[in-house]
Amino acid sequence: MDIYCPRCGEPFDVFSLVDDMTPDEAKDFKAGRGCPCCKGQEVKERPLRAEATSVLLDVLGDDIDGVAAELEDAGF
């Protein structure tokens, strides 16, 4: 299952978020400050999937599997 960056919408596998990102990168990702792809760059337009991920992270917090499942159910 994929989860999307809440800033730029870049897709990430849930396992890469948990296993491959450093704790600081994962913390920034969950806080909506971006992923390694968009950190430090200007994001001109936020895709709908990025906004949906941001809202789900606010609601579900650290439940990354829950966020990914909700995004999959929504058809992203």
Protein backbone atom coordinates (compact mmCIF):
# COMPACT_ATOMS: atom_id res chain seq x y z
CA MET A 1 0.00 0.00 0.00
CA ASP A 2 1.14 3.52 -0.72
CA ILE A 3 1.04 6.64 1.35
CA TYR A 4 1.56 10.03 -0.25
CA CYS A 5 3.68 12.94 0.84
CA PRO A 6 1.34 15.45 2.52
CA ARG A 7 3.23 18.28 0.83
CA CYS A 8 3.97 17.20 -2.77
CA GLY A 9 1.94 14.00 -3.22
CA GLU A 10 4.93 11.76 -4.02
CA PRO A 11 3.97 8.10 -3.41
CA PHE A 12 5.87 6.05 -0.84
CA ASP A 13 5.39 2.44 0.12
CA VAL A 14 4.40 2.19 3.78
CA PHE A 15 7.36 -0.09 4.45
CA SER A 16 9.82 2.44 3.00
CA LEU A 17 8.40 5.10 5.29
CA VAL A 18 8.87 2.88 8.32
CA ASP A 19 12.11 1.09 7.38
CA ASP A 20 14.06 3.25 4.91
CA MET A 21 13.55 6.81 6.16
CA THR A 22 15.58 8.12 9.05
CA PRO A 23 13.57 8.96 12.18
CA ASP A 24 13.93 12.68 11.41
CA GLU A 25 12.70 12.21 7.82
CA ALA A 26 9.73 10.15 9.01
CA LYS A 27 8.91 12.76 11.68
CA ASP A 28 9.02 15.57 9.08
CA PHE A 29 6.89 13.48 6.71
CA LYS A 30 4.21 12.84 9.34
CA ALA A 31 4.24 16.50 10.40
CA GLY A 32 3.58 17.63 6.82
CA ARG A 33 6.96 19.28 6.28
CA GLY A 34 7.69 17.17 3.23
CA CYS A 35 9.57 14.13 2.04
CA PRO A 36 13.14 13.71 0.77
CA CYS A 37 11.85 14.59 -2.74
CA CYS A 38 10.37 18.00 -1.90
CA LYS A 39 12.13 19.11 1.27
CA GLY A 40 13.72 22.51 0.69
CA GLN A 41 11.90 23.04 -2.60
CA GLU A 42 8.88 25.13 -3.44
CA VAL A 43 5.69 23.17 -4.08
CA LYS A 44 3.52 25.22 -6.43
CA GLU A 45 0.42 23.07 -6.39
CA ARG A 46 -0.61 20.49 -3.81
CA PRO A 47 -2.35 17.52 -5.42
CA LEU A 48 -5.61 16.29 -3.92
CA ARG A 49 -3.91 13.12 -2.68
CA ALA A 50 -1.42 15.28 -0.72
CA GLU A 51 -4.25 17.19 0.92
CA ALA A 52 -6.12 13.96 1.72
CA THR A 53 -2.97 12.48 3.29
CA SER A 54 -2.46 15.61 5.37
CA VAL A 55 -6.00 15.45 6.73
CA LEU A 56 -5.76 11.73 7.47
CA LEU A 57 -2.44 12.21 9.28
CA ASP A 58 -4.12 14.90 11.41
CA VAL A 59 -6.99 12.56 12.24
CA LEU A 60 -5.17 9.23 12.60
CA GLY A 61 -1.81 10.50 13.85
CA ASP A 62 0.91 7.85 13.84
CA ASP A 63 -1.33 5.11 12.42
CA ILE A 64 0.45 4.96 9.05
CA ASP A 65 -1.24 1.68 8.11
CA GLY A 66 -4.62 3.27 8.78
CA VAL A 67 -3.77 6.27 6.61
CA ALA A 68 -2.63 4.00 3.76
CA ALA A 69 -5.78 1.87 4.05
CA GLU A 70 -8.04 4.94 3.99
CA LEU A 71 -6.22 6.32 0.93
CA GLU A 72 -6.59 2.98 -0.84
CA ASP A 73 -10.30 2.84 0.03
CA ALA A 74 -10.70 6.37 -1.34
CA GLY A 75 -9.19 5.28 -4.66
CA PHE A 76 -5.90 7.15 -4.58
